[in-house]
Amino acid sequence: MTLTDGMDVARVRQVGAQLRATEQRLDEVCRTGRAGLATLDEAWQGPDLASFGDRWSAAERVVHAAADRVRAYADELERQADAQDSASDSPGGRGPGGPAGPGGRDGGAGGADDAGAGGSTKEKDNPNFDPDAEDAVDTEIEGPLFRDGAAPTDVEQGSLNDCWFIASLQAVAATHPEVLEQGVVDNGDGTYDVTLYVDGEPVVYRVDAVVPADDGDPVFADNASASDRELWPLLYEKAMAQHMGGDWRNLDYDTAERALEAITGQDVDTENTSSGIFDWNAPPDSDEIREVLDTGGQVLLSSHDDVGGRPLYEDDTIATNHLYWVSGVTESGDLELTNPWSPGDDPIVLTYEEFQDNFGHISTSRP
């Protein structure tokens, strides 16, 4: 039974709207807290204020993560309701332990959408989205586990809404590839053991290379050329689906924090991109981001849910509700961003101020 079977669409949309309202309230909690800290700075002197500010910063990160998760659930309900309205009765390919619908939105995974209040959302097309993904058939994919080790260009996001996971895979492949190369083992019998992490402790998932495919090509994690295909990306994606509950749909919408912790076993810091109050909870600056990358760490950025009058969204440089990873920092402090849809393209280069204007959160992880 798929999630849309027997659905009361109106009630599902109502719950989705309630979740979005909850997300807004959580964001307001953070804004109110920052305003309160500004007041405290005028009314309270002494070392205890700094300690209080540090503790609030930690709490704010938790609230931000909760808001992101609530938004992901609201997006999922919207997608399911849209699928029911379109009268699609195809369950899609079979995933690891359950049906695997291809999803429809992840910064525009299913196509452009200029709807919304006053045209406030404008979603860039994912060029890898397969319109026939719902008709995908489980197929055993052939190819080497690795060719020349793990590299970011080995994988592109497909027809799942899992930019959060694919961008993280690419970032780890760029900065700490041995994590991925040592994290998957060929058992020699058509199965592979993939190591992910829960609270820093390794958990091994046994998977095979049977995934939904259209005319022999995987509709989810893949790269642009079958002749260059390596199996490690689709095996990691399948293992992550098991990690998330056993259904491909469980990969729709989540956070970089969830992905990086699962892939590397390392802690992840997520900050709001605003300047913070008196340097409390301020995002890392360009030099700090460069240091993270130079030490084999990863940096991922989460874009806003709506265009909000931002020119880089209007001209499709940046997609809404999407994850990017930072591939480098220039000598002048500009950030070089890579889109998980097309890691082989030239990076998007933004000044630090443009980064702050166009992204809501930054997640960093160090080995």
Protein backbone atom coordinates (compact mmCIF):
# COMPACT_ATOMS: atom_id res chain seq x y z
CA MET A 1 0.00 0.00 0.00
CA THR A 2 1.44 3.39 -0.95
CA LEU A 3 1.15 6.46 1.22
CA THR A 4 -1.47 7.93 -1.11
CA ASP A 5 -3.85 4.95 -1.08
CA GLY A 6 -7.15 5.85 0.59
CA MET A 7 -6.04 9.43 1.17
CA ASP A 8 -8.34 12.24 2.27
CA VAL A 9 -6.41 14.90 0.37
CA ALA A 10 -8.05 17.90 2.04
CA ARG A 11 -7.22 16.66 5.52
CA VAL A 12 -3.66 15.77 4.52
CA ARG A 13 -3.16 19.27 3.12
CA GLN A 14 -4.58 20.68 6.34
CA VAL A 15 -2.01 18.77 8.39
CA GLY A 16 0.72 19.96 6.02
CA ALA A 17 -0.38 23.55 6.55
CA GLN A 18 -0.29 23.02 10.31
CA LEU A 19 3.26 21.69 10.04
CA ARG A 20 4.34 24.74 8.05
CA ALA A 21 2.82 26.96 10.72
CA THR A 22 4.79 25.01 13.33
CA GLU A 23 7.98 25.56 11.33
CA GLN A 24 7.29 29.30 11.28
CA ARG A 25 6.75 29.31 15.04
CA LEU A 26 10.06 27.52 15.57
CA ASP A 27 11.82 30.08 13.40
CA GLU A 28 10.14 32.81 15.42
CA VAL A 29 11.47 31.23 18.62
CA CYS A 30 14.99 31.67 17.24
CA ARG A 31 14.37 35.26 16.17
CA THR A 32 12.83 36.14 19.53
CA GLY A 33 15.74 34.54 21.35
CA ARG A 34 18.29 36.56 19.40
CA ALA A 35 16.37 39.76 20.13
CA GLY A 36 16.30 38.80 23.80
CA LEU A 37 20.06 38.31 23.83
CA ALA A 38 20.51 41.81 22.44
CA THR A 39 18.45 43.17 25.33
CA LEU A 40 20.42 41.12 27.85
CA ASP A 41 23.68 42.56 26.59
CA GLU A 42 22.48 45.96 27.73
CA ALA A 43 20.99 44.77 31.01
CA TRP A 44 23.51 42.19 32.21
CA GLN A 45 27.26 42.43 32.65
CA GLY A 46 29.76 39.77 33.62
CA PRO A 47 31.14 36.39 32.53
CA ASP A 48 27.86 34.61 33.16
CA LEU A 49 26.34 36.43 30.19
CA ALA A 50 28.84 34.82 27.81
CA SER A 51 28.07 31.40 29.27
CA PHE A 52 24.35 32.00 28.86
CA GLY A 53 24.88 33.09 25.25
CA ASP A 54 26.84 29.94 24.45
CA ARG A 55 24.11 27.75 25.92
CA TRP A 56 21.44 29.61 23.97
CA SER A 57 23.44 29.12 20.77
CA ALA A 58 23.45 25.37 21.33
CA ALA A 59 19.70 25.38 22.00
CA GLU A 60 19.05 27.49 18.91
CA ARG A 61 20.83 24.94 16.72
CA VAL A 62 18.49 22.26 18.03
CA VAL A 63 15.44 24.43 17.29
CA HIS A 64 16.71 25.16 13.77
CA ALA A 65 17.19 21.45 13.13
CA ALA A 66 13.66 20.77 14.36
CA ALA A 67 12.29 23.46 12.04
CA ASP A 68 14.10 21.87 9.10
CA ARG A 69 12.67 18.45 9.93
CA VAL A 70 9.13 19.80 10.30
CA ARG A 71 9.46 21.52 6.92
CA ALA A 72 10.60 18.22 5.39
CA TYR A 73 7.48 16.48 6.70
CA ALA A 74 5.26 19.26 5.36
CA ASP A 75 6.93 18.95 1.95
CA GLU A 76 6.34 15.19 1.97
CA LEU A 77 2.64 15.61 2.74
CA GLU A 78 2.31 18.17 -0.04
CA ARG A 79 3.99 15.83 -2.49
CA GLN A 80 1.76 12.93 -1.52
CA ALA A 81 -1.37 15.06 -1.82
CA ASP A 82 -0.24 16.32 -5.23
CA ALA A 83 0.34 12.74 -6.35
CA GLN A 84 -3.17 11.76 -5.26
CA ASP A 85 -4.67 14.74 -7.06
CA SER A 86 -2.89 13.74 -10.25
CA ALA A 87 -4.66 10.36 -10.01
CA SER A 88 -1.41 8.49 -10.39
CA ASP A 89 -1.90 4.89 -9.33
CA SER A 90 1.62 3.71 -10.16
CA PRO A 91 3.61 2.70 -7.06
CA GLY A 92 6.93 3.25 -8.79
CA GLY A 93 9.94 1.01 -8.50
CA ARG A 94 10.47 -1.22 -5.54
CA GLY A 95 13.01 0.03 -3.09
CA PRO A 96 14.85 -1.63 -0.27
CA GLY A 97 11.95 -3.01 1.68
CA GLY A 98 9.13 -0.95 0.20
CA PRO A 99 7.68 1.04 -2.67
CA ALA A 100 9.88 3.77 -4.07
CA GLY A 101 8.04 6.68 -5.59
CA PRO A 102 10.34 9.07 -7.41
CA GLY A 103 9.23 12.18 -5.59
CA GLY A 104 8.58 15.47 -7.24
CA ARG A 105 10.28 18.36 -5.50
CA ASP A 106 13.75 19.00 -4.24
CA GLY A 107 14.63 22.46 -5.35
CA GLY A 108 12.51 21.66 -8.38
CA ALA A 109 13.28 17.98 -8.80
CA GLY A 110 10.08 17.42 -10.70
CA GLY A 111 10.12 20.57 -12.77
CA ALA A 112 9.54 24.29 -12.51
CA ASP A 113 6.79 25.62 -10.33
CA ASP A 114 6.03 29.32 -10.28
CA ALA A 115 2.95 28.97 -8.10
CA GLY A 116 2.52 30.25 -4.59
CA ALA A 117 1.48 33.41 -2.85
CA GLY A 118 2.22 36.18 -5.27
CA GLY A 119 4.52 33.89 -7.24
CA SER A 120 6.83 33.63 -4.24
CA THR A 121 8.27 30.26 -5.22
CA LYS A 122 10.17 29.63 -8.41
CA GLU A 123 11.78 26.24 -8.66
CA LYS A 124 14.71 25.45 -10.90
CA ASP A 125 14.53 22.23 -12.91
CA ASN A 126 16.62 19.26 -11.88
CA PRO A 127 18.09 18.18 -15.25
CA ASN A 128 18.43 14.59 -14.01
CA PHE A 129 14.76 14.13 -13.16
CA ASP A 130 13.35 11.21 -15.16
CA PRO A 131 9.68 11.79 -16.14
CA ASP A 132 9.32 8.01 -16.54
CA ALA A 133 10.72 7.27 -13.08
CA GLU A 134 7.36 6.03 -11.81
CA ASP A 135 7.56 3.22 -14.37
CA ALA A 136 11.05 2.19 -13.26
CA VAL A 137 11.73 -1.53 -12.94
CA ASP A 138 14.03 -3.14 -10.40
CA THR A 139 17.23 -3.92 -12.29
CA GLU A 140 20.61 -5.26 -11.26
CA ILE A 141 23.12 -2.60 -12.23
CA GLU A 142 26.53 -3.75 -13.40
CA GLY A 143 29.86 -2.01 -13.08
CA PRO A 144 32.92 -1.73 -10.86
CA LEU A 145 32.57 -0.72 -7.24
CA PHE A 146 35.20 2.00 -7.82
CA ARG A 147 37.28 2.96 -10.85
CA ASP A 148 39.85 5.40 -9.50
CA GLY A 149 38.57 5.81 -5.98
CA ALA A 150 35.63 7.98 -4.88
CA ALA A 151 35.21 11.36 -6.56
CA PRO A 152 32.38 13.94 -6.50
CA THR A 153 31.68 13.45 -10.21
CA ASP A 154 30.93 9.76 -9.63
CA VAL A 155 27.39 10.64 -8.57
CA GLU A 156 24.60 13.04 -9.47
CA GLN A 157 21.24 13.45 -7.78
CA GLY A 158 18.50 11.60 -9.64
CA SER A 159 14.71 11.54 -9.26
CA LEU A 160 14.63 11.37 -5.46
CA ASN A 161 14.39 14.49 -3.32
CA ASP A 162 17.64 13.65 -1.54
CA CYS A 163 19.93 16.54 -2.39
CA TRP A 164 20.81 16.56 1.33
CA PHE A 165 22.34 13.09 0.98
CA ILE A 166 23.85 13.31 -2.51
CA ALA A 167 25.49 16.68 -1.79
CA SER A 168 26.96 15.17 1.37
CA LEU A 169 28.30 12.15 -0.55
CA GLN A 170 29.94 14.47 -3.06
CA ALA A 171 31.42 16.65 -0.33
CA VAL A 172 32.93 13.66 1.48
CA ALA A 173 34.25 12.27 -1.83
CA ALA A 174 35.98 15.61 -2.46
CA THR A 175 37.52 16.09 0.97
CA HIS A 176 37.85 12.66 2.61
CA PRO A 177 37.32 9.99 -0.09
CA GLU A 178 38.84 7.18 1.95
CA VAL A 179 35.78 7.31 4.22
CA LEU A 180 33.66 6.15 1.28
CA GLU A 181 36.25 3.79 -0.17
CA GLN A 182 36.64 2.00 3.15
CA GLY A 183 32.93 2.19 3.93
CA VAL A 184 31.70 -0.27 1.30
CA VAL A 185 32.96 -3.85 0.88
CA ASP A 186 32.26 -6.25 -2.01
CA ASN A 187 31.30 -9.63 -0.55
CA GLY A 188 31.87 -11.37 -3.88
CA ASP A 189 28.37 -12.83 -4.05
CA GLY A 190 26.46 -9.88 -5.49
CA THR A 191 26.04 -8.22 -2.09
CA TYR A 192 27.92 -5.37 -0.48
CA ASP A 193 28.37 -4.27 3.12
CA VAL A 194 27.97 -0.52 3.59
CA THR A 195 28.94 1.11 6.89
CA LEU A 196 26.91 4.05 8.18
CA TYR A 197 26.85 5.51 11.67
CA VAL A 198 24.37 6.09 14.48
CA ASP A 199 25.60 8.37 17.27
CA GLY A 200 29.14 7.79 16.04
CA GLU A 201 28.86 4.00 16.20
CA PRO A 202 29.15 1.94 12.97
CA VAL A 203 26.15 0.05 11.62
CA VAL A 204 26.63 -2.27 8.63
CA TYR A 205 23.90 -2.65 6.00
CA ARG A 206 24.02 -5.49 3.46
CA VAL A 207 22.63 -4.40 0.09
CA ASP A 208 22.78 -5.45 -3.55
CA ALA A 209 22.93 -3.42 -6.76
CA VAL A 210 19.27 -3.97 -7.66
CA VAL A 211 17.64 -0.54 -7.91
CA PRO A 212 14.77 1.07 -9.86
CA ALA A 213 15.95 1.71 -13.41
CA ASP A 214 14.54 3.06 -16.67
CA ASP A 215 15.89 1.20 -19.69
CA GLY A 216 18.79 -0.06 -17.60
CA ASP A 217 19.75 3.32 -16.15
CA PRO A 218 19.20 3.98 -12.41
CA VAL A 219 16.59 6.66 -11.85
CA PHE A 220 18.05 7.65 -8.48
CA ALA A 221 21.76 8.14 -7.66
CA ASP A 222 23.85 7.76 -10.81
CA ASN A 223 26.24 9.71 -13.00
CA ALA A 224 25.87 11.06 -16.50
CA SER A 225 27.56 8.22 -18.36
CA ALA A 226 26.90 4.49 -18.12
CA SER A 227 30.42 3.84 -19.42
CA ASP A 228 31.84 5.66 -16.39
CA ARG A 229 29.38 4.26 -13.85
CA GLU A 230 30.60 3.11 -10.46
CA LEU A 231 28.39 1.22 -8.04
CA TRP A 232 29.39 2.84 -4.77
CA PRO A 233 26.96 5.81 -5.01
CA LEU A 234 23.82 3.74 -5.60
CA LEU A 235 24.91 1.27 -2.90
CA TYR A 236 25.34 4.09 -0.40
CA GLU A 237 21.96 5.54 -1.35
CA LYS A 238 20.29 2.15 -0.96
CA ALA A 239 21.99 1.60 2.40
CA MET A 240 20.81 5.04 3.53
CA ALA A 241 17.26 4.11 2.59
CA GLN A 242 17.61 1.07 4.85
CA HIS A 243 19.12 3.31 7.53
CA MET A 244 16.07 5.60 7.29
CA GLY A 245 13.50 2.81 7.58
CA GLY A 246 13.65 0.71 4.41
CA ASP A 247 11.70 2.76 1.88
CA TRP A 248 13.09 4.94 -0.90
CA ARG A 249 10.56 7.63 0.05
CA ASN A 250 12.25 7.98 3.42
CA LEU A 251 15.08 9.74 1.59
CA ASP A 252 12.81 12.57 0.48
CA TYR A 253 13.78 15.77 2.30
CA ASP A 254 16.11 15.89 5.27
CA THR A 255 19.19 17.77 6.44
CA ALA A 256 22.90 17.80 5.71
CA GLU A 257 23.43 17.18 9.40
CA ARG A 258 21.60 13.84 9.18
CA ALA A 259 23.58 12.79 6.08
CA LEU A 260 27.06 13.79 7.22
CA GLU A 261 26.64 12.17 10.62
CA ALA A 262 25.46 8.94 8.97
CA ILE A 263 28.24 8.87 6.36
CA THR A 264 31.21 9.95 8.49
CA GLY A 265 30.19 9.27 12.08
CA GLN A 266 31.40 12.78 12.95
CA ASP A 267 29.52 15.53 14.75
CA VAL A 268 28.03 18.28 12.59
CA ASP A 269 27.57 21.94 13.52
CA THR A 270 24.67 23.76 11.87
CA GLU A 271 24.39 27.53 12.16
CA ASN A 272 22.04 30.20 10.93
CA THR A 273 23.76 32.32 8.27
CA SER A 274 22.84 35.61 9.94
CA SER A 275 25.64 37.44 11.72
CA GLY A 276 24.39 36.45 15.15
CA ILE A 277 24.07 38.63 18.22
CA PHE A 278 27.44 39.97 19.41
CA ASP A 279 29.17 37.05 17.65
CA TRP A 280 27.08 34.44 19.47
CA ASN A 281 26.02 31.72 17.07
CA ALA A 282 27.69 33.56 14.17
CA PRO A 283 28.34 31.43 11.07
CA PRO A 284 31.96 30.58 10.23
CA ASP A 285 33.72 33.22 8.15
CA SER A 286 35.58 32.52 4.90
CA ASP A 287 38.86 31.74 6.64
CA GLU A 288 37.14 29.30 9.00
CA ILE A 289 35.36 27.61 6.09
CA ARG A 290 38.70 27.28 4.26
CA GLU A 291 40.22 25.70 7.36
CA VAL A 292 37.41 23.12 7.55
CA LEU A 293 38.01 22.13 3.92
CA ASP A 294 41.80 22.09 4.29
CA THR A 295 41.53 19.64 7.20
CA GLY A 296 39.33 17.19 5.26
CA GLY A 297 35.99 18.48 6.52
CA GLN A 298 32.78 19.25 4.70
CA VAL A 299 30.67 22.40 4.38
CA LEU A 300 27.08 22.33 3.11
CA LEU A 301 24.63 25.17 2.57
CA SER A 302 20.82 25.09 2.68
CA SER A 303 18.96 27.54 0.44
CA HIS A 304 15.74 29.33 1.33
CA ASP A 305 12.26 27.95 0.66
CA ASP A 306 11.17 30.88 -1.48
CA VAL A 307 12.65 33.40 -3.88
CA GLY A 308 12.08 36.36 -1.55
CA GLY A 309 13.16 38.90 -4.15
CA ARG A 310 16.67 37.44 -4.36
CA PRO A 311 18.18 37.96 -7.85
CA LEU A 312 20.22 34.74 -7.76
CA TYR A 313 17.00 32.78 -7.32
CA GLU A 314 15.20 34.75 -10.01
CA ASP A 315 17.87 33.98 -12.61
CA ASP A 316 18.10 30.28 -11.59
CA THR A 317 21.64 30.52 -10.26
CA ILE A 318 20.35 29.16 -6.94
CA ALA A 319 17.41 26.76 -6.53
CA THR A 320 14.98 27.06 -3.64
CA ASN A 321 14.86 24.43 -0.88
CA HIS A 322 18.11 22.85 -2.05
CA LEU A 323 21.49 21.80 -0.65
CA TYR A 324 24.85 22.82 -2.09
CA TRP A 325 28.35 21.96 -0.91
CA VAL A 326 31.34 24.27 -0.71
CA SER A 327 34.14 22.97 -2.92
CA GLY A 328 36.60 25.77 -2.25
CA VAL A 329 37.34 29.27 -0.97
CA THR A 330 39.21 31.76 -3.15
CA GLU A 331 42.10 33.91 -1.94
CA SER A 332 39.69 36.85 -1.70
CA GLY A 333 37.29 34.86 0.49
CA ASP A 334 34.63 34.05 -2.11
CA LEU A 335 32.89 30.68 -1.73
CA GLU A 336 32.83 28.13 -4.56
CA LEU A 337 29.60 26.12 -4.50
CA THR A 338 28.72 22.85 -6.23
CA ASN A 339 25.19 21.73 -7.09
CA PRO A 340 24.58 17.98 -6.53
CA TRP A 341 22.68 17.90 -9.83
CA SER A 342 25.86 18.57 -11.81
CA PRO A 343 29.12 18.26 -9.84
CA GLY A 344 31.19 18.43 -13.03
CA ASP A 345 30.05 21.96 -13.86
CA ASP A 346 32.05 25.05 -12.96
CA PRO A 347 31.34 26.06 -9.36
CA ILE A 348 29.00 28.90 -8.46
CA VAL A 349 31.17 31.66 -6.99
CA LEU A 350 29.58 33.89 -4.34
CA THR A 351 30.96 36.58 -2.10
CA TYR A 352 30.56 35.93 1.61
CA GLU A 353 27.77 38.53 1.70
CA GLU A 354 25.96 36.81 -1.19
CA PHE A 355 26.24 33.52 0.68
CA GLN A 356 24.60 35.06 3.74
CA ASP A 357 21.84 36.64 1.65
CA ASN A 358 20.98 33.49 -0.29
CA PHE A 359 21.32 30.65 2.22
CA GLY A 360 19.60 30.02 5.53
CA HIS A 361 21.89 27.49 7.22
CA ILE A 362 25.47 26.28 7.00
CA SER A 363 26.55 22.83 8.22
CA THR A 364 30.18 21.94 8.90
CA SER A 365 31.85 18.68 9.87
CA ARG A 366 35.49 17.90 10.65
CA PRO A 367 37.22 14.50 10.73
